[in-house]
């Protein structure tokens, strides 16, 4: 694995194994999503698929704050707050910047996508855009992202 993943290697291995994933694929997603920066966050103002904000928010969290947090991607795998909620995350979504938490829920989601979509490129596409949508030419609408992850994955596997 690339050197910048060294601090996270045991956590990547552990979370990947718990969810039946190839650690190389998890590492490739980490590199593509956050460049292995655990405190990475990105606000997605357009994101509209929220998960029950009124019933999943922490007790002292306002609905408005929960809605905003669900529209942010967090941590090493840049898991969306709403997606983490859908996969069972409880507590403050900012905890997804803790590598253990972010990897756990990122791997849960990636494993769910791999069970749902085939081939692997379709699941990778869906990780980034919610569903593996293709254009009229048959390429994924986010083909540069898919190519980036798959290239990283193949380089990691051949090391």
N, C-alpha and C. Protein backbone atom coordinates (compact mmCIF):
# COMPACT_ATOMS: atom_id res chain seq x y z
N UNK A 1 0.85 -1.19 0.00
CA UNK A 1 0.00 0.00 0.00
C UNK A 1 0.89 1.24 0.00
N UNK A 2 0.41 2.31 -0.61
CA UNK A 2 1.20 3.55 -0.60
C UNK A 2 1.52 4.02 0.81
N UNK A 3 2.63 4.70 0.93
CA UNK A 3 3.14 5.12 2.24
C UNK A 3 2.15 5.97 3.03
N UNK A 4 1.40 6.85 2.36
CA UNK A 4 0.49 7.73 3.12
C UNK A 4 -0.64 6.95 3.78
N UNK A 5 -0.81 5.69 3.41
CA UNK A 5 -1.81 4.84 4.06
C UNK A 5 -1.26 4.11 5.27
N UNK A 6 0.05 4.19 5.48
CA UNK A 6 0.70 3.42 6.55
C UNK A 6 0.00 3.57 7.90
N UNK A 7 -0.33 4.78 8.36
CA UNK A 7 -0.96 4.87 9.68
C UNK A 7 -2.32 4.17 9.76
N UNK A 8 -2.98 4.04 8.62
CA UNK A 8 -4.35 3.49 8.60
C UNK A 8 -4.40 2.04 8.15
N UNK A 9 -3.26 1.48 7.77
CA UNK A 9 -3.24 0.11 7.23
C UNK A 9 -3.93 -0.91 8.13
N UNK A 10 -3.64 -0.97 9.44
CA UNK A 10 -4.32 -1.97 10.27
C UNK A 10 -5.84 -1.75 10.34
N UNK A 11 -6.25 -0.49 10.37
CA UNK A 11 -7.68 -0.20 10.42
C UNK A 11 -8.37 -0.54 9.10
N UNK A 12 -7.70 -0.25 7.99
CA UNK A 12 -8.24 -0.60 6.67
C UNK A 12 -8.38 -2.11 6.57
N UNK A 13 -7.36 -2.83 7.00
CA UNK A 13 -7.38 -4.30 6.95
C UNK A 13 -8.54 -4.85 7.79
N UNK A 14 -8.65 -4.36 9.01
CA UNK A 14 -9.66 -4.85 9.93
C UNK A 14 -11.08 -4.56 9.44
N UNK A 15 -11.36 -3.31 9.07
CA UNK A 15 -12.70 -2.94 8.60
C UNK A 15 -13.05 -3.69 7.32
N UNK A 16 -12.08 -3.82 6.43
CA UNK A 16 -12.32 -4.54 5.17
C UNK A 16 -12.67 -5.99 5.45
N UNK A 17 -11.90 -6.64 6.30
CA UNK A 17 -12.16 -8.05 6.62
C UNK A 17 -13.52 -8.25 7.27
N UNK A 18 -13.92 -7.33 8.16
CA UNK A 18 -15.23 -7.45 8.81
C UNK A 18 -16.36 -7.45 7.80
N UNK A 19 -16.14 -6.78 6.68
CA UNK A 19 -17.21 -6.63 5.69
C UNK A 19 -16.95 -7.41 4.41
N UNK A 20 -15.96 -8.29 4.44
CA UNK A 20 -15.69 -9.15 3.29
C UNK A 20 -15.13 -8.42 2.08
N UNK A 21 -14.42 -7.32 2.31
CA UNK A 21 -13.86 -6.52 1.23
C UNK A 21 -12.38 -6.80 1.05
N UNK A 22 -11.89 -6.59 -0.14
CA UNK A 22 -10.46 -6.62 -0.41
C UNK A 22 -9.88 -5.32 0.17
N UNK A 23 -8.94 -5.40 1.10
CA UNK A 23 -8.35 -4.18 1.66
C UNK A 23 -7.75 -3.26 0.60
N UNK A 24 -7.30 -3.82 -0.51
CA UNK A 24 -6.78 -3.00 -1.60
C UNK A 24 -7.85 -2.10 -2.20
N UNK A 25 -9.07 -2.60 -2.31
CA UNK A 25 -10.17 -1.79 -2.82
C UNK A 25 -10.51 -0.68 -1.82
N UNK A 26 -10.58 -1.03 -0.55
CA UNK A 26 -10.84 -0.01 0.47
C UNK A 26 -9.77 1.06 0.42
N UNK A 27 -8.51 0.65 0.33
CA UNK A 27 -7.40 1.61 0.27
C UNK A 27 -7.52 2.50 -0.95
N UNK A 28 -7.92 1.95 -2.08
CA UNK A 28 -8.08 2.74 -3.30
C UNK A 28 -9.18 3.79 -3.13
N UNK A 29 -10.28 3.42 -2.49
CA UNK A 29 -11.35 4.38 -2.23
C UNK A 29 -10.86 5.47 -1.28
N UNK A 30 -10.12 5.08 -0.24
CA UNK A 30 -9.56 6.07 0.70
C UNK A 30 -8.69 7.07 -0.04
N UNK A 31 -7.82 6.59 -0.90
CA UNK A 31 -6.92 7.49 -1.64
C UNK A 31 -7.70 8.40 -2.58
N UNK A 32 -8.68 7.85 -3.27
CA UNK A 32 -9.47 8.64 -4.22
C UNK A 32 -10.35 9.66 -3.52
N UNK A 33 -10.90 9.28 -2.39
CA UNK A 33 -11.87 10.14 -1.70
C UNK A 33 -11.23 11.22 -0.85
N UNK A 34 -10.21 10.87 -0.08
CA UNK A 34 -9.67 11.83 0.90
C UNK A 34 -8.16 12.01 0.83
N UNK A 35 -7.49 11.31 -0.08
CA UNK A 35 -6.02 11.30 -0.11
C UNK A 35 -5.47 10.90 1.26
N UNK A 36 -6.19 10.02 1.95
CA UNK A 36 -5.81 9.47 3.25
C UNK A 36 -5.77 10.52 4.37
N UNK A 37 -6.61 11.53 4.26
CA UNK A 37 -6.73 12.58 5.28
C UNK A 37 -7.98 12.32 6.12
N UNK A 38 -7.84 11.87 7.37
CA UNK A 38 -9.02 11.50 8.16
C UNK A 38 -9.94 12.66 8.51
N UNK A 39 -9.44 13.88 8.54
CA UNK A 39 -10.28 15.02 8.89
C UNK A 39 -10.95 15.66 7.67
N UNK A 40 -10.83 15.02 6.51
CA UNK A 40 -11.44 15.58 5.30
C UNK A 40 -12.96 15.63 5.43
N UNK A 41 -13.54 16.75 5.05
CA UNK A 41 -15.00 16.91 5.00
C UNK A 41 -15.35 17.68 3.73
N UNK A 42 -16.53 17.41 3.21
CA UNK A 42 -16.98 18.12 2.01
C UNK A 42 -18.49 18.29 2.10
N UNK A 43 -18.94 19.54 2.02
CA UNK A 43 -20.37 19.85 2.04
C UNK A 43 -20.93 19.69 0.64
N UNK A 44 -22.01 18.94 0.54
CA UNK A 44 -22.69 18.70 -0.74
C UNK A 44 -24.07 19.37 -0.67
N UNK A 45 -24.12 20.65 -0.97
CA UNK A 45 -25.36 21.43 -0.83
C UNK A 45 -26.52 20.82 -1.61
N UNK A 46 -26.22 20.21 -2.76
CA UNK A 46 -27.26 19.64 -3.61
C UNK A 46 -27.81 18.31 -3.10
N UNK A 47 -27.15 17.70 -2.13
CA UNK A 47 -27.54 16.37 -1.67
C UNK A 47 -28.93 16.44 -1.05
N UNK A 48 -29.83 15.57 -1.49
CA UNK A 48 -31.22 15.67 -1.02
C UNK A 48 -31.78 14.38 -0.43
N UNK A 49 -31.01 13.32 -0.39
CA UNK A 49 -31.51 12.04 0.11
C UNK A 49 -31.20 11.90 1.59
N UNK A 50 -31.94 12.59 2.40
CA UNK A 50 -31.71 12.57 3.85
C UNK A 50 -32.36 11.35 4.46
N UNK A 51 -31.82 10.93 5.62
CA UNK A 51 -32.34 9.75 6.30
C UNK A 51 -32.95 10.14 7.65
N UNK A 52 -34.26 10.30 7.69
CA UNK A 52 -35.05 10.50 8.90
C UNK A 52 -34.39 11.44 9.92
N UNK A 53 -34.05 12.67 9.54
CA UNK A 53 -33.31 13.55 10.46
C UNK A 53 -33.97 13.73 11.82
N UNK A 54 -35.30 13.77 11.85
CA UNK A 54 -35.96 14.01 13.13
C UNK A 54 -35.87 12.84 14.09
N UNK A 55 -35.69 11.64 13.57
CA UNK A 55 -35.66 10.48 14.47
C UNK A 55 -34.26 9.93 14.74
N UNK A 56 -33.25 10.31 13.94
CA UNK A 56 -31.91 9.75 14.15
C UNK A 56 -30.93 10.74 14.78
N UNK A 57 -31.31 12.00 14.89
CA UNK A 57 -30.39 13.01 15.41
C UNK A 57 -30.10 12.78 16.89
N UNK A 58 -28.90 13.16 17.35
CA UNK A 58 -28.64 13.11 18.79
C UNK A 58 -29.61 14.03 19.53
N UNK A 59 -29.87 13.73 20.79
CA UNK A 59 -30.86 14.48 21.57
C UNK A 59 -30.65 15.99 21.57
N UNK A 60 -29.41 16.43 21.70
CA UNK A 60 -29.18 17.88 21.81
C UNK A 60 -28.84 18.53 20.47
N UNK A 61 -29.12 17.84 19.39
CA UNK A 61 -28.85 18.34 18.04
C UNK A 61 -30.15 18.88 17.44
N UNK A 62 -30.10 20.05 16.83
CA UNK A 62 -31.29 20.58 16.17
C UNK A 62 -31.52 19.84 14.84
N UNK A 63 -32.74 19.88 14.37
CA UNK A 63 -33.06 19.28 13.07
C UNK A 63 -32.22 19.95 11.99
N UNK A 64 -32.10 21.27 12.05
CA UNK A 64 -31.33 22.01 11.04
C UNK A 64 -29.88 21.53 10.99
N UNK A 65 -29.29 21.32 12.16
CA UNK A 65 -27.90 20.85 12.21
C UNK A 65 -27.79 19.44 11.66
N UNK A 66 -28.71 18.56 12.03
CA UNK A 66 -28.70 17.19 11.53
C UNK A 66 -28.83 17.18 10.00
N UNK A 67 -29.72 18.00 9.46
CA UNK A 67 -29.89 18.07 8.01
C UNK A 67 -28.59 18.50 7.35
N UNK A 68 -27.94 19.52 7.89
CA UNK A 68 -26.67 19.98 7.31
C UNK A 68 -25.60 18.89 7.41
N UNK A 69 -25.51 18.23 8.56
CA UNK A 69 -24.50 17.18 8.75
C UNK A 69 -24.74 15.99 7.81
N UNK A 70 -25.99 15.68 7.52
CA UNK A 70 -26.27 14.58 6.61
C UNK A 70 -25.84 14.91 5.18
N UNK A 71 -25.64 16.18 4.87
CA UNK A 71 -25.21 16.62 3.54
C UNK A 71 -23.68 16.78 3.45
N UNK A 72 -22.98 16.29 4.44
CA UNK A 72 -21.51 16.38 4.45
C UNK A 72 -20.94 14.99 4.32
N UNK A 73 -19.86 14.87 3.55
CA UNK A 73 -19.12 13.60 3.52
C UNK A 73 -17.94 13.75 4.46
N UNK A 74 -17.64 12.68 5.19
CA UNK A 74 -16.69 12.73 6.29
C UNK A 74 -15.58 11.70 6.15
N UNK A 75 -14.40 12.07 6.57
CA UNK A 75 -13.33 11.14 6.86
C UNK A 75 -12.63 10.50 5.69
N UNK A 76 -11.91 9.43 6.01
CA UNK A 76 -11.06 8.74 5.05
C UNK A 76 -11.82 8.28 3.81
N UNK A 77 -13.02 7.77 4.00
CA UNK A 77 -13.79 7.26 2.85
C UNK A 77 -14.85 8.23 2.38
N UNK A 78 -14.89 9.43 2.98
CA UNK A 78 -15.86 10.45 2.59
C UNK A 78 -17.28 9.89 2.54
N UNK A 79 -17.65 9.20 3.61
CA UNK A 79 -19.00 8.65 3.69
C UNK A 79 -19.98 9.79 3.97
N UNK A 80 -21.06 9.85 3.20
CA UNK A 80 -22.06 10.89 3.43
C UNK A 80 -22.74 10.65 4.76
N UNK A 81 -23.04 11.73 5.47
CA UNK A 81 -23.72 11.61 6.76
C UNK A 81 -25.03 10.84 6.64
N UNK A 82 -25.83 11.15 5.62
CA UNK A 82 -27.11 10.46 5.44
C UNK A 82 -26.91 8.97 5.16
N UNK A 83 -25.87 8.64 4.41
CA UNK A 83 -25.60 7.23 4.09
C UNK A 83 -25.15 6.50 5.37
N UNK A 84 -24.32 7.14 6.16
CA UNK A 84 -23.90 6.52 7.43
C UNK A 84 -25.12 6.27 8.32
N UNK A 85 -26.05 7.22 8.37
CA UNK A 85 -27.27 7.02 9.14
C UNK A 85 -28.04 5.82 8.60
N UNK A 86 -28.15 5.73 7.30
CA UNK A 86 -28.87 4.62 6.67
C UNK A 86 -28.22 3.28 7.01
N UNK A 87 -26.91 3.28 7.18
CA UNK A 87 -26.17 2.06 7.51
C UNK A 87 -26.09 1.83 9.02
N UNK A 88 -26.80 2.65 9.82
CA UNK A 88 -26.92 2.38 11.25
C UNK A 88 -26.10 3.25 12.18
N UNK A 89 -25.41 4.26 11.66
CA UNK A 89 -24.60 5.10 12.54
C UNK A 89 -25.48 5.91 13.48
N UNK A 90 -25.08 5.92 14.76
CA UNK A 90 -25.77 6.71 15.78
C UNK A 90 -24.76 7.66 16.41
N UNK A 91 -25.24 8.76 16.92
CA UNK A 91 -24.36 9.74 17.55
C UNK A 91 -24.09 10.90 16.60
N UNK A 92 -23.11 11.70 16.96
CA UNK A 92 -22.77 12.87 16.15
C UNK A 92 -22.03 12.43 14.89
N UNK A 93 -22.49 12.90 13.76
CA UNK A 93 -21.89 12.51 12.48
C UNK A 93 -20.44 12.96 12.36
N UNK A 94 -20.04 13.96 13.08
CA UNK A 94 -18.64 14.40 13.04
C UNK A 94 -17.68 13.31 13.50
N UNK A 95 -18.19 12.33 14.23
CA UNK A 95 -17.36 11.20 14.67
C UNK A 95 -16.87 10.35 13.50
N UNK A 96 -17.48 10.53 12.33
CA UNK A 96 -17.04 9.79 11.15
C UNK A 96 -15.65 10.22 10.69
N UNK A 97 -15.14 11.32 11.22
CA UNK A 97 -13.75 11.73 10.94
C UNK A 97 -12.76 10.91 11.75
N UNK A 98 -13.23 10.20 12.77
CA UNK A 98 -12.36 9.26 13.47
C UNK A 98 -12.15 8.08 12.52
N UNK A 99 -10.91 7.74 12.20
CA UNK A 99 -10.67 6.69 11.20
C UNK A 99 -11.43 5.39 11.45
N UNK A 100 -11.53 4.96 12.69
CA UNK A 100 -12.24 3.70 12.99
C UNK A 100 -13.70 3.79 12.56
N UNK A 101 -14.33 4.92 12.87
CA UNK A 101 -15.75 5.09 12.55
C UNK A 101 -15.96 5.26 11.05
N UNK A 102 -15.18 6.15 10.44
CA UNK A 102 -15.34 6.40 9.01
C UNK A 102 -15.10 5.16 8.17
N UNK A 103 -14.07 4.40 8.53
CA UNK A 103 -13.78 3.16 7.79
C UNK A 103 -14.88 2.12 8.01
N UNK A 104 -15.37 2.02 9.22
CA UNK A 104 -16.43 1.06 9.50
C UNK A 104 -17.66 1.32 8.62
N UNK A 105 -18.12 2.56 8.61
CA UNK A 105 -19.35 2.85 7.86
C UNK A 105 -19.10 2.97 6.37
N UNK A 106 -17.92 3.42 5.97
CA UNK A 106 -17.57 3.42 4.55
C UNK A 106 -17.51 2.00 4.01
N UNK A 107 -16.90 1.09 4.77
CA UNK A 107 -16.82 -0.32 4.35
C UNK A 107 -18.19 -0.99 4.37
N UNK A 108 -19.01 -0.68 5.36
CA UNK A 108 -20.38 -1.22 5.37
C UNK A 108 -21.10 -0.85 4.09
N UNK A 109 -20.97 0.42 3.72
CA UNK A 109 -21.67 0.90 2.53
C UNK A 109 -21.09 0.28 1.26
N UNK A 110 -19.78 0.24 1.15
CA UNK A 110 -19.15 -0.34 -0.03
C UNK A 110 -19.52 -1.82 -0.18
N UNK A 111 -19.53 -2.56 0.92
CA UNK A 111 -19.92 -3.98 0.87
C UNK A 111 -21.38 -4.12 0.42
N UNK A 112 -22.24 -3.25 0.91
CA UNK A 112 -23.65 -3.26 0.51
C UNK A 112 -23.77 -3.02 -0.99
N UNK A 113 -23.00 -2.06 -1.50
CA UNK A 113 -23.04 -1.76 -2.94
C UNK A 113 -22.51 -2.92 -3.77
N UNK A 114 -21.44 -3.57 -3.30
CA UNK A 114 -20.89 -4.71 -4.02
C UNK A 114 -21.86 -5.89 -4.05
N UNK A 115 -22.67 -6.04 -3.02
CA UNK A 115 -23.70 -7.08 -3.02
C UNK A 115 -24.82 -6.74 -4.00
N UNK A 116 -25.03 -5.48 -4.23
CA UNK A 116 -26.15 -5.02 -5.04
C UNK A 116 -25.81 -4.84 -6.52
N UNK A 117 -24.59 -4.41 -6.81
CA UNK A 117 -24.21 -4.07 -8.18
C UNK A 117 -23.01 -4.88 -8.65
N UNK A 118 -23.04 -5.23 -9.93
CA UNK A 118 -21.95 -5.94 -10.55
C UNK A 118 -21.78 -5.37 -11.94
N UNK A 119 -20.58 -5.27 -12.42
CA UNK A 119 -19.28 -5.66 -11.87
C UNK A 119 -18.81 -4.65 -10.80
N UNK A 120 -17.61 -4.87 -10.31
CA UNK A 120 -17.04 -4.03 -9.27
C UNK A 120 -17.06 -2.55 -9.66
N UNK A 121 -16.85 -2.25 -10.94
CA UNK A 121 -16.87 -0.85 -11.41
C UNK A 121 -18.23 -0.20 -11.16
N UNK A 122 -19.30 -0.98 -11.26
CA UNK A 122 -20.64 -0.44 -11.00
C UNK A 122 -20.78 -0.05 -9.54
N UNK A 123 -20.27 -0.88 -8.64
CA UNK A 123 -20.33 -0.57 -7.21
C UNK A 123 -19.47 0.65 -6.89
N UNK A 124 -18.31 0.76 -7.52
CA UNK A 124 -17.44 1.92 -7.31
C UNK A 124 -18.14 3.18 -7.82
N UNK A 125 -18.77 3.09 -8.97
CA UNK A 125 -19.53 4.22 -9.49
C UNK A 125 -20.62 4.64 -8.51
N UNK A 126 -21.36 3.67 -8.00
CA UNK A 126 -22.44 3.95 -7.06
C UNK A 126 -21.91 4.54 -5.76
N UNK A 127 -20.73 4.14 -5.33
CA UNK A 127 -20.16 4.71 -4.09
C UNK A 127 -20.03 6.22 -4.25
N UNK A 128 -19.70 6.66 -5.43
CA UNK A 128 -19.47 8.08 -5.69
C UNK A 128 -20.73 8.84 -6.09
N UNK A 129 -21.66 8.20 -6.78
CA UNK A 129 -22.82 8.95 -7.27
C UNK A 129 -24.17 8.37 -6.86
N UNK A 130 -24.17 7.40 -5.95
CA UNK A 130 -25.42 6.86 -5.43
C UNK A 130 -25.99 5.70 -6.21
N UNK A 131 -25.78 5.68 -7.50
CA UNK A 131 -26.28 4.62 -8.36
C UNK A 131 -25.37 4.59 -9.59
N UNK A 132 -25.10 3.42 -10.16
CA UNK A 132 -24.17 3.36 -11.29
C UNK A 132 -24.82 3.80 -12.62
N UNK A 133 -25.07 5.10 -12.73
CA UNK A 133 -25.70 5.62 -13.94
C UNK A 133 -24.71 5.68 -15.09
N UNK A 134 -25.21 5.34 -16.28
CA UNK A 134 -24.39 5.35 -17.50
C UNK A 134 -24.97 6.31 -18.53
N UNK A 135 -24.08 6.83 -19.35
CA UNK A 135 -24.49 7.67 -20.46
C UNK A 135 -24.85 6.83 -21.67
N UNK A 136 -25.29 7.46 -22.75
CA UNK A 136 -25.65 6.73 -23.98
C UNK A 136 -24.49 5.94 -24.56
N UNK A 137 -23.27 6.34 -24.26
CA UNK A 137 -22.09 5.64 -24.77
C UNK A 137 -21.71 4.43 -23.92
N UNK A 138 -22.48 4.17 -22.85
CA UNK A 138 -22.21 3.02 -21.99
C UNK A 138 -21.22 3.30 -20.87
N UNK A 139 -20.60 4.47 -20.90
CA UNK A 139 -19.65 4.83 -19.84
C UNK A 139 -20.43 5.36 -18.64
N UNK A 140 -19.87 5.11 -17.45
CA UNK A 140 -20.48 5.67 -16.24
C UNK A 140 -20.42 7.18 -16.31
N UNK A 141 -21.43 7.83 -15.77
CA UNK A 141 -21.44 9.30 -15.77
C UNK A 141 -20.28 9.87 -14.97
N UNK A 142 -19.76 9.08 -14.06
CA UNK A 142 -18.59 9.48 -13.27
C UNK A 142 -17.38 8.61 -13.64
N UNK A 143 -17.23 8.32 -14.92
CA UNK A 143 -16.17 7.43 -15.39
C UNK A 143 -14.77 7.85 -14.92
N UNK A 144 -14.42 9.14 -14.88
CA UNK A 144 -13.09 9.49 -14.37
C UNK A 144 -12.86 9.03 -12.92
N UNK A 145 -13.90 9.10 -12.10
CA UNK A 145 -13.78 8.61 -10.72
C UNK A 145 -13.59 7.10 -10.71
N UNK A 146 -14.40 6.38 -11.47
CA UNK A 146 -14.30 4.92 -11.54
C UNK A 146 -12.89 4.53 -12.00
N UNK A 147 -12.41 5.19 -13.05
CA UNK A 147 -11.07 4.89 -13.56
C UNK A 147 -10.00 5.15 -12.50
N UNK A 148 -10.14 6.25 -11.77
CA UNK A 148 -9.16 6.59 -10.73
C UNK A 148 -9.10 5.51 -9.66
N UNK A 149 -10.27 5.11 -9.15
CA UNK A 149 -10.31 4.08 -8.11
C UNK A 149 -9.76 2.76 -8.63
N UNK A 150 -10.19 2.37 -9.82
CA UNK A 150 -9.75 1.09 -10.35
C UNK A 150 -8.24 1.09 -10.65
N UNK A 151 -7.71 2.18 -11.14
CA UNK A 151 -6.26 2.27 -11.36
C UNK A 151 -5.49 2.18 -10.05
N UNK A 152 -5.97 2.89 -9.04
CA UNK A 152 -5.33 2.80 -7.71
C UNK A 152 -5.41 1.37 -7.18
N UNK A 153 -6.57 0.76 -7.32
CA UNK A 153 -6.78 -0.61 -6.85
C UNK A 153 -5.80 -1.58 -7.52
N UNK A 154 -5.68 -1.50 -8.83
CA UNK A 154 -4.76 -2.38 -9.54
C UNK A 154 -3.30 -2.14 -9.16
N UNK A 155 -2.95 -0.88 -8.95
CA UNK A 155 -1.56 -0.59 -8.52
C UNK A 155 -1.29 -1.14 -7.13
N UNK A 156 -2.26 -1.01 -6.23
CA UNK A 156 -2.11 -1.54 -4.86
C UNK A 156 -2.00 -3.05 -4.89
N UNK A 157 -2.83 -3.71 -5.69
CA UNK A 157 -2.83 -5.17 -5.77
C UNK A 157 -1.53 -5.73 -6.33
N UNK A 158 -0.86 -4.98 -7.20
CA UNK A 158 0.35 -5.50 -7.83
C UNK A 158 1.61 -5.16 -7.06
N UNK A 159 1.49 -4.53 -5.92
CA UNK A 159 2.66 -4.20 -5.10
C UNK A 159 3.08 -5.38 -4.28
